[in-house]
């Protein structure tokens, strides 16, 4: 997520959210979020992740108002069709989720959740995006109704997803290798990812590991190691096992 690593953005022609605008959003978030990360505390990292999610949500709303989607956003509470996907996060997001779980779950509930996280990690660790979708292993953070149990602290990638067709989502995840993904509101998705890039830039400028991590693998580490935040801030490779190999290979090919 370094500042030199720019990606082509597949936006439709005519949108106001050009690559230059998105890079400007990322750069603004880099400066703002860096203030929290510069505190070099786990609380600062958690605060940065919280501010980034709030900013992503605000910018998504603004994008939808400025360039309304062709159809209403289809994503709803309890719709978990896409919750078999591989989700990439940054370390501050994982630390925030782990802190939220410790603060809101009883010891028994947390132990049961850790078991589900371990089982999901064992079934999905190292899978490609396609293989993960085909394995159809549900996110262990779903509740009994199929709703996200950590919605308030969910990853920015999840917040940025904006399907316009629930039925198309179902068709894709029933046969992910053969059916294209559902149409989505691209500006909302891209502004959220610009904020995530800004969070990564801010971390990297502090000398911290800003590699994208696979959510479940990283959460397992954060739950099993209460000092994961301290170790990350000390620049130790505590999340090395959760780095996404598929993302790293894609960056090597781009280079």
Protein backbone atom coordinates (compact mmCIF):
# COMPACT_ATOMS: atom_id res chain seq x y z
CA UNK A 1 0.00 0.00 0.00
CA UNK A 2 2.93 2.33 -0.59
CA UNK A 3 2.36 5.67 -2.24
CA UNK A 4 4.05 4.48 -5.41
CA UNK A 5 1.76 1.48 -5.77
CA UNK A 6 -1.11 2.85 -7.83
CA UNK A 7 -3.69 0.63 -9.41
CA UNK A 8 -5.87 1.13 -12.44
CA UNK A 9 -9.36 2.03 -11.33
CA UNK A 10 -12.10 0.52 -13.51
CA UNK A 11 -14.51 3.44 -13.19
CA UNK A 12 -17.07 4.13 -15.86
CA UNK A 13 -16.34 7.16 -18.07
CA UNK A 14 -17.87 10.41 -16.90
CA UNK A 15 -17.69 9.86 -13.17
CA UNK A 16 -16.40 12.69 -11.00
CA UNK A 17 -14.44 10.13 -8.97
CA UNK A 18 -11.47 10.03 -11.29
CA UNK A 19 -8.21 8.33 -10.28
CA UNK A 20 -6.81 11.76 -9.38
CA UNK A 21 -9.76 12.47 -7.07
CA UNK A 22 -9.46 9.06 -5.43
CA UNK A 23 -5.74 9.55 -4.91
CA UNK A 24 -6.53 12.90 -3.30
CA UNK A 25 -8.96 11.21 -0.92
CA UNK A 26 -6.32 8.63 -0.01
CA UNK A 27 -3.70 11.31 0.56
CA UNK A 28 -6.03 13.30 2.80
CA UNK A 29 -6.78 10.23 4.88
CA UNK A 30 -3.07 9.43 5.07
CA UNK A 31 -2.46 12.78 6.74
CA UNK A 32 -5.48 12.62 9.06
CA UNK A 33 -5.12 9.00 10.16
CA UNK A 34 -1.38 9.34 10.63
CA UNK A 35 -2.05 11.57 13.63
CA UNK A 36 -3.66 8.69 15.52
CA UNK A 37 -1.05 6.15 14.46
CA UNK A 38 1.74 8.51 15.48
CA UNK A 39 0.65 8.00 19.10
CA UNK A 40 2.21 4.53 18.83
CA UNK A 41 -0.43 2.96 21.05
CA UNK A 42 -2.98 0.26 20.36
CA UNK A 43 -5.71 2.74 21.27
CA UNK A 44 -4.36 5.05 18.59
CA UNK A 45 -4.43 2.27 16.01
CA UNK A 46 -7.99 1.35 16.96
CA UNK A 47 -8.99 5.02 16.74
CA UNK A 48 -7.45 5.29 13.27
CA UNK A 49 -9.40 2.26 12.07
CA UNK A 50 -12.61 3.69 13.51
CA UNK A 51 -12.07 7.07 11.89
CA UNK A 52 -11.29 5.39 8.55
CA UNK A 53 -14.51 3.34 8.59
CA UNK A 54 -16.58 6.40 9.51
CA UNK A 55 -14.96 8.39 6.72
CA UNK A 56 -15.53 5.60 4.20
CA UNK A 57 -19.21 5.40 5.13
CA UNK A 58 -19.62 9.19 4.82
CA UNK A 59 -17.91 9.28 1.43
CA UNK A 60 -20.01 6.37 0.18
CA UNK A 61 -23.18 8.26 1.09
CA UNK A 62 -21.85 11.34 -0.67
CA UNK A 63 -20.95 9.30 -3.75
CA UNK A 64 -24.41 7.75 -3.90
CA UNK A 65 -26.01 11.19 -3.60
CA UNK A 66 -23.74 12.75 -6.23
CA UNK A 67 -24.01 9.87 -8.68
CA UNK A 68 -27.10 7.81 -7.76
CA UNK A 69 -26.87 4.10 -8.59
CA UNK A 70 -28.96 2.79 -11.45
CA UNK A 71 -30.87 0.68 -8.94
CA UNK A 72 -31.19 0.80 -5.15
CA UNK A 73 -28.36 -0.80 -3.20
CA UNK A 74 -29.49 -4.38 -2.58
CA UNK A 75 -27.32 -5.13 0.47
CA UNK A 76 -29.44 -5.64 3.59
CA UNK A 77 -28.97 -6.94 7.13
CA UNK A 78 -29.28 -10.70 7.11
CA UNK A 79 -28.18 -11.07 3.47
CA UNK A 80 -25.00 -13.09 3.83
CA UNK A 81 -24.58 -14.33 0.26
CA UNK A 82 -21.20 -12.65 -0.18
CA UNK A 83 -20.00 -13.53 3.33
CA UNK A 84 -18.06 -16.50 1.98
CA UNK A 85 -15.63 -14.15 0.24
CA UNK A 86 -12.01 -13.54 1.09
CA UNK A 87 -11.82 -10.19 2.88
CA UNK A 88 -8.60 -8.19 3.05
CA UNK A 89 -7.96 -5.86 5.97
CA UNK A 90 -5.17 -3.84 7.53
CA UNK A 91 -3.77 -4.48 11.00
CA UNK A 92 -5.55 -1.52 12.70
CA UNK A 93 -8.90 -2.89 11.51
CA UNK A 94 -8.13 -6.33 12.95
CA UNK A 95 -7.05 -4.82 16.27
CA UNK A 96 -10.28 -2.82 16.43
CA UNK A 97 -12.43 -5.88 15.73
CA UNK A 98 -10.58 -7.94 18.35
CA UNK A 99 -10.94 -5.15 20.94
CA UNK A 100 -14.66 -4.88 20.16
CA UNK A 101 -15.15 -8.62 20.59
CA UNK A 102 -13.32 -8.68 23.92
CA UNK A 103 -15.43 -5.75 25.14
CA UNK A 104 -18.81 -7.09 24.02
CA UNK A 105 -18.64 -10.89 24.48
CA UNK A 106 -18.71 -12.94 27.64
CA UNK A 107 -15.81 -15.30 28.24
CA UNK A 108 -17.96 -18.22 27.09
CA UNK A 109 -19.13 -16.39 23.96
CA UNK A 110 -15.61 -15.31 23.12
CA UNK A 111 -14.26 -18.83 23.52
CA UNK A 112 -16.97 -20.20 21.21
CA UNK A 113 -16.20 -17.50 18.65
CA UNK A 114 -12.48 -18.26 18.78
CA UNK A 115 -13.30 -21.90 18.01
CA UNK A 116 -15.33 -20.82 14.96
CA UNK A 117 -12.55 -18.52 13.81
CA UNK A 118 -9.97 -21.31 14.12
CA UNK A 119 -12.18 -23.72 12.18
CA UNK A 120 -12.81 -21.18 9.40
CA UNK A 121 -9.12 -20.31 9.23
CA UNK A 122 -8.14 -23.97 9.00
CA UNK A 123 -10.58 -24.44 6.11
CA UNK A 124 -9.61 -21.31 4.16
CA UNK A 125 -6.00 -20.33 4.96
CA UNK A 126 -4.08 -19.68 1.76
CA UNK A 127 -7.01 -20.09 -0.63
CA UNK A 128 -7.29 -17.82 -3.64
CA UNK A 129 -10.26 -15.49 -3.98
CA UNK A 130 -11.96 -17.92 -6.37
CA UNK A 131 -11.19 -21.01 -4.31
CA UNK A 132 -12.47 -19.27 -1.20
CA UNK A 133 -15.77 -18.42 -2.87
CA UNK A 134 -16.14 -21.96 -4.16
CA UNK A 135 -15.43 -23.44 -0.70
CA UNK A 136 -18.46 -21.50 0.64
CA UNK A 137 -17.15 -21.36 4.20
CA UNK A 138 -19.30 -18.74 5.97
CA UNK A 139 -17.69 -15.92 7.89
CA UNK A 140 -17.49 -16.98 11.56
CA UNK A 141 -18.59 -13.46 12.56
CA UNK A 142 -22.13 -13.99 11.28
CA UNK A 143 -24.79 -14.37 13.95
CA UNK A 144 -27.56 -16.98 14.07
CA UNK A 145 -29.72 -14.82 11.75
CA UNK A 146 -27.00 -14.56 9.14
CA UNK A 147 -26.32 -10.92 9.98
CA UNK A 148 -22.89 -9.43 10.65
CA UNK A 149 -22.32 -9.48 14.40
CA UNK A 150 -19.61 -6.80 14.15
CA UNK A 151 -21.34 -4.45 11.74
CA UNK A 152 -20.33 -1.36 13.72
CA UNK A 153 -16.63 -2.25 13.37
CA UNK A 154 -16.72 -4.21 10.11
CA UNK A 155 -13.85 -4.04 7.61
CA UNK A 156 -13.80 -1.14 5.18
CA UNK A 157 -13.88 -3.61 2.28
CA UNK A 158 -17.19 -4.98 3.57
CA UNK A 159 -18.59 -1.48 4.07
CA UNK A 160 -17.63 -0.55 0.52
CA UNK A 161 -19.40 -3.44 -1.15
CA UNK A 162 -22.57 -2.17 -2.79
CA UNK A 163 -24.42 -4.77 -4.84
CA UNK A 164 -27.31 -3.60 -6.99
CA UNK A 165 -28.81 -7.07 -7.47
CA UNK A 166 -29.20 -9.64 -4.68
CA UNK A 167 -30.30 -12.35 -7.13
CA UNK A 168 -27.18 -11.76 -9.23
CA UNK A 169 -25.09 -12.17 -6.08
CA UNK A 170 -26.75 -15.51 -5.42
CA UNK A 171 -26.10 -16.67 -8.98
CA UNK A 172 -22.44 -15.66 -8.79
CA UNK A 173 -21.70 -17.34 -5.48
CA UNK A 174 -23.50 -20.49 -6.60
CA UNK A 175 -20.97 -20.77 -9.46
CA UNK A 176 -18.23 -18.16 -8.92
CA UNK A 177 -15.99 -19.52 -11.68
CA UNK A 178 -18.69 -19.30 -14.32
CA UNK A 179 -21.01 -16.42 -13.37
CA UNK A 180 -19.79 -12.80 -13.17
CA UNK A 181 -20.10 -10.80 -9.99
CA UNK A 182 -23.21 -8.74 -9.44
CA UNK A 183 -23.37 -5.14 -10.68
CA UNK A 184 -22.35 -2.67 -8.02
CA UNK A 185 -22.20 1.08 -7.40
CA UNK A 186 -18.61 1.56 -8.42
CA UNK A 187 -18.06 5.09 -7.01
CA UNK A 188 -19.06 3.95 -3.51
CA UNK A 189 -16.72 0.99 -3.72
CA UNK A 190 -13.81 3.06 -4.96
CA UNK A 191 -14.07 5.85 -2.38
CA UNK A 192 -14.07 3.24 0.39
CA UNK A 193 -10.96 1.65 -1.07
CA UNK A 194 -9.32 5.08 -1.35
CA UNK A 195 -9.82 5.54 2.39
CA UNK A 196 -8.35 2.08 3.02
CA UNK A 197 -5.34 3.02 0.90
CA UNK A 198 -4.93 6.16 3.00
CA UNK A 199 -4.90 4.06 6.17
CA UNK A 200 -2.23 1.86 4.63
CA UNK A 201 -0.12 4.86 3.63
CA UNK A 202 -0.40 6.28 7.14
CA UNK A 203 0.75 3.01 8.68
CA UNK A 204 3.64 2.65 6.28
CA UNK A 205 4.83 6.19 6.99
CA UNK A 206 5.04 5.21 10.67
CA UNK A 207 7.25 2.28 9.72
CA UNK A 208 4.45 -0.21 10.47
CA UNK A 209 3.45 -3.30 8.53
CA UNK A 210 0.80 -2.17 6.04
CA UNK A 211 0.47 -5.40 4.07
CA UNK A 212 -3.10 -6.52 3.35
CA UNK A 213 -4.11 -9.37 5.65
CA UNK A 214 -6.73 -12.07 5.23
CA UNK A 215 -9.40 -11.20 7.79
CA UNK A 216 -9.98 -14.57 9.44
CA UNK A 217 -6.31 -15.53 9.61
CA UNK A 218 -5.43 -12.14 11.10
CA UNK A 219 -8.33 -12.21 13.55
CA UNK A 220 -7.25 -15.62 14.80
CA UNK A 221 -3.83 -14.17 15.58
CA UNK A 222 -5.28 -11.09 17.28
CA UNK A 223 -7.62 -13.17 19.46
CA UNK A 224 -5.03 -15.77 20.39
CA UNK A 225 -2.32 -13.19 21.14
CA UNK A 226 -3.59 -10.35 23.35
CA UNK A 227 -0.27 -8.56 22.81
CA UNK A 228 -0.62 -8.61 19.01
CA UNK A 229 -1.15 -4.85 18.93
CA UNK A 230 1.96 -4.18 20.99
CA UNK A 231 4.02 -6.44 18.76
CA UNK A 232 2.68 -4.80 15.58
CA UNK A 233 3.53 -1.36 16.97
CA UNK A 234 7.00 -2.65 17.86
CA UNK A 235 7.41 -3.52 14.16
CA UNK A 236 7.50 -7.25 14.81
CA UNK A 237 5.94 -9.53 12.15
CA UNK A 238 3.08 -10.71 14.34
CA UNK A 239 0.65 -10.84 11.39
CA UNK A 240 3.10 -12.34 8.90
CA UNK A 241 1.18 -15.63 8.65
CA UNK A 242 -1.98 -13.73 7.65
CA UNK A 243 -0.47 -11.75 4.78
CA UNK A 244 -2.41 -12.49 1.64
CA UNK A 245 -0.20 -14.40 -0.78
CA UNK A 246 -2.52 -13.77 -3.72
CA UNK A 247 -2.31 -9.99 -3.23
CA UNK A 248 1.47 -10.15 -2.84
CA UNK A 249 1.82 -12.18 -6.04
CA UNK A 250 -0.33 -9.68 -7.94
CA UNK A 251 1.88 -6.82 -6.75
CA UNK A 252 5.01 -8.70 -7.83
CA UNK A 253 3.56 -9.18 -11.30
CA UNK A 254 2.66 -5.50 -11.53
CA UNK A 255 6.22 -4.56 -10.55
